[in-house]
Protein backbone atom coordinates (compact mmCIF):
# COMPACT_ATOMS: atom_id res chain seq x y z
CA MET A 1 5.16 -3.71 -21.73
CA GLU A 2 2.24 -5.72 -22.96
CA LEU A 3 3.85 -8.97 -21.73
CA LEU A 4 4.78 -7.56 -18.37
CA LEU A 5 1.32 -6.52 -17.37
CA PRO A 6 -0.30 -9.99 -17.23
CA PHE A 7 2.51 -11.26 -14.93
CA MET A 8 2.03 -8.13 -12.76
CA ILE A 9 -1.68 -8.76 -12.55
CA GLY A 10 -1.13 -12.41 -11.59
CA ILE A 11 1.33 -11.33 -8.92
CA LEU A 12 -1.00 -8.75 -7.53
CA PHE A 13 -3.96 -11.29 -7.47
CA SER A 14 -1.81 -13.90 -5.67
CA VAL A 15 -0.45 -11.49 -3.09
CA SER A 16 -3.92 -10.10 -2.43
CA ILE A 17 -5.42 -13.61 -1.92
CA TYR A 18 -2.62 -14.42 0.48
CA PHE A 19 -3.28 -11.26 2.43
CA ILE A 20 -7.03 -11.93 2.47
CA LEU A 21 -6.56 -15.40 3.88
CA HIS A 22 -4.20 -14.14 6.60
CA ARG A 23 -5.49 -13.88 10.22
CA HIS A 24 -4.60 -10.24 10.83
CA LEU A 25 -7.24 -7.53 10.09
CA PHE A 26 -4.74 -4.96 8.70
CA LYS A 27 -3.49 -7.52 6.18
CA LEU A 28 -7.13 -8.25 5.27
CA ILE A 29 -7.58 -4.54 4.38
CA LEU A 30 -4.35 -4.50 2.45
CA GLY A 31 -5.48 -7.65 0.56
CA LEU A 32 -8.67 -5.91 -0.43
CA LEU A 33 -6.91 -2.92 -1.60
CA LEU A 34 -4.50 -4.93 -3.79
CA PHE A 35 -7.36 -7.09 -5.09
CA GLY A 36 -9.10 -3.91 -6.28
CA LEU A 37 -5.89 -2.62 -7.82
CA ALA A 38 -5.38 -5.90 -9.70
CA THR A 39 -8.90 -5.94 -10.98
CA ASN A 40 -8.62 -2.39 -12.25
CA LEU A 41 -5.38 -3.23 -13.99
CA PHE A 42 -6.99 -6.29 -15.43
CA LEU A 43 -9.84 -4.22 -16.89
CA PHE A 44 -7.28 -1.80 -18.32
CA VAL A 45 -5.32 -4.57 -20.13
CA VAL A 46 -8.46 -6.32 -21.42
CA GLY A 47 -9.55 -3.01 -22.94
CA GLY A 48 -6.47 -2.93 -25.06
CA LEU A 49 -3.64 -0.40 -25.17
CA THR A 50 -3.79 2.10 -27.98
CA ARG A 51 -1.51 5.05 -27.80
CA GLY A 52 -1.88 8.31 -29.61
CA ARG A 53 -5.49 7.60 -30.76
CA ILE A 54 -8.67 9.26 -29.66
CA ALA A 55 -11.80 7.49 -28.51
CA ILE A 56 -14.14 9.59 -30.72
CA ILE A 57 -14.55 9.98 -34.44
CA SER A 58 -12.12 12.49 -35.92
CA GLN A 59 -13.33 15.68 -37.57
CA GLY A 60 -14.44 15.22 -41.13
CA GLN A 61 -15.01 11.46 -40.84
CA THR A 62 -18.19 9.43 -40.44
CA VAL A 63 -16.72 6.23 -38.90
CA PRO A 64 -13.73 5.65 -36.65
CA VAL A 65 -10.45 4.64 -38.29
CA GLU A 66 -8.70 1.44 -36.97
CA PRO A 67 -7.03 1.30 -34.44
CA TYR A 68 -9.21 3.36 -32.23
CA ALA A 69 -9.52 3.44 -28.41
CA ASP A 70 -12.62 1.76 -27.04
CA PRO A 71 -14.17 4.10 -24.46
CA VAL A 72 -16.24 1.32 -22.81
CA PRO A 73 -13.36 -0.31 -20.80
CA GLN A 74 -12.29 3.18 -19.75
CA ALA A 75 -15.71 3.91 -18.40
CA LEU A 76 -15.85 0.51 -16.70
CA LEU A 77 -12.46 1.24 -15.10
CA LEU A 78 -13.65 4.57 -13.75
CA THR A 79 -16.73 2.90 -12.33
CA ALA A 80 -14.63 0.10 -10.75
CA ILE A 81 -12.36 2.60 -9.12
CA VAL A 82 -15.32 4.48 -7.56
CA ILE A 83 -17.03 1.29 -6.31
CA GLY A 84 -13.73 -0.17 -5.08
CA PHE A 85 -13.09 3.05 -3.09
CA GLY A 86 -16.51 2.77 -1.49
CA ILE A 87 -16.00 -0.80 -0.53
CA GLN A 88 -12.57 -0.11 0.82
CA ALA A 89 -13.94 2.80 3.00
CA PHE A 90 -16.77 0.67 4.31
CA THR A 91 -14.31 -2.19 5.16
CA ILE A 92 -11.89 0.09 7.00
CA VAL A 93 -14.79 1.52 9.09
CA LEU A 94 -16.23 -1.97 9.79
CA ILE A 95 -12.91 -3.39 10.84
CA ARG A 96 -12.18 -0.35 13.05
CA ARG A 97 -15.46 -0.83 14.72
CA VAL A 98 -14.87 -4.55 15.30
CA TYR A 99 -11.50 -3.73 16.84
CA GLN A 100 -13.03 -1.12 19.14
CA THR A 101 -15.67 -3.61 20.33
CA PHE A 102 -13.58 -6.68 20.71
CA LYS A 103 -10.09 -5.09 21.41
CA SER A 104 -8.51 -7.61 19.03
CA ASN A 105 -7.35 -7.68 15.45
CA ASN A 106 -6.87 -11.44 15.18
CA LEU A 107 -9.68 -13.27 13.39
CA ASP A 108 -9.31 -16.39 15.62
CA ASP A 109 -9.98 -14.19 18.73
CA LEU A 110 -13.13 -12.80 17.16
CA ARG A 111 -14.38 -16.38 16.38
CA ASN A 112 -13.97 -17.22 20.12
CA ALA A 113 -15.62 -13.97 21.19
CA GLU A 114 -18.98 -15.26 19.88
CA LYS A 115 -18.99 -18.05 22.58
CA ILE A 116 -18.63 -15.58 25.45
């Protein structure tokens, strides 16, 4: 499991970059969604996987016993999910508005629309 996750993260990053560099607006949104997912998964893996342990000090102890779950990456992951959702919502609304204005979802057509 721990060896599979880095490969999965690399595949998600590469597919998201491919979609972001594509000329279609829907694929751009999909690439941003996958990029946020890959980033969240990366933060999850960097934080370390500890199963069956709590993130706080057990009752009757003064210090945590190794191995313990670090709560900081978990908090960063929750924050990244919320910020990513806000960015994705803004991007979807912005791209929808661009499509309504220029009646095109191809980025090359939008580049030529500035000259008109």
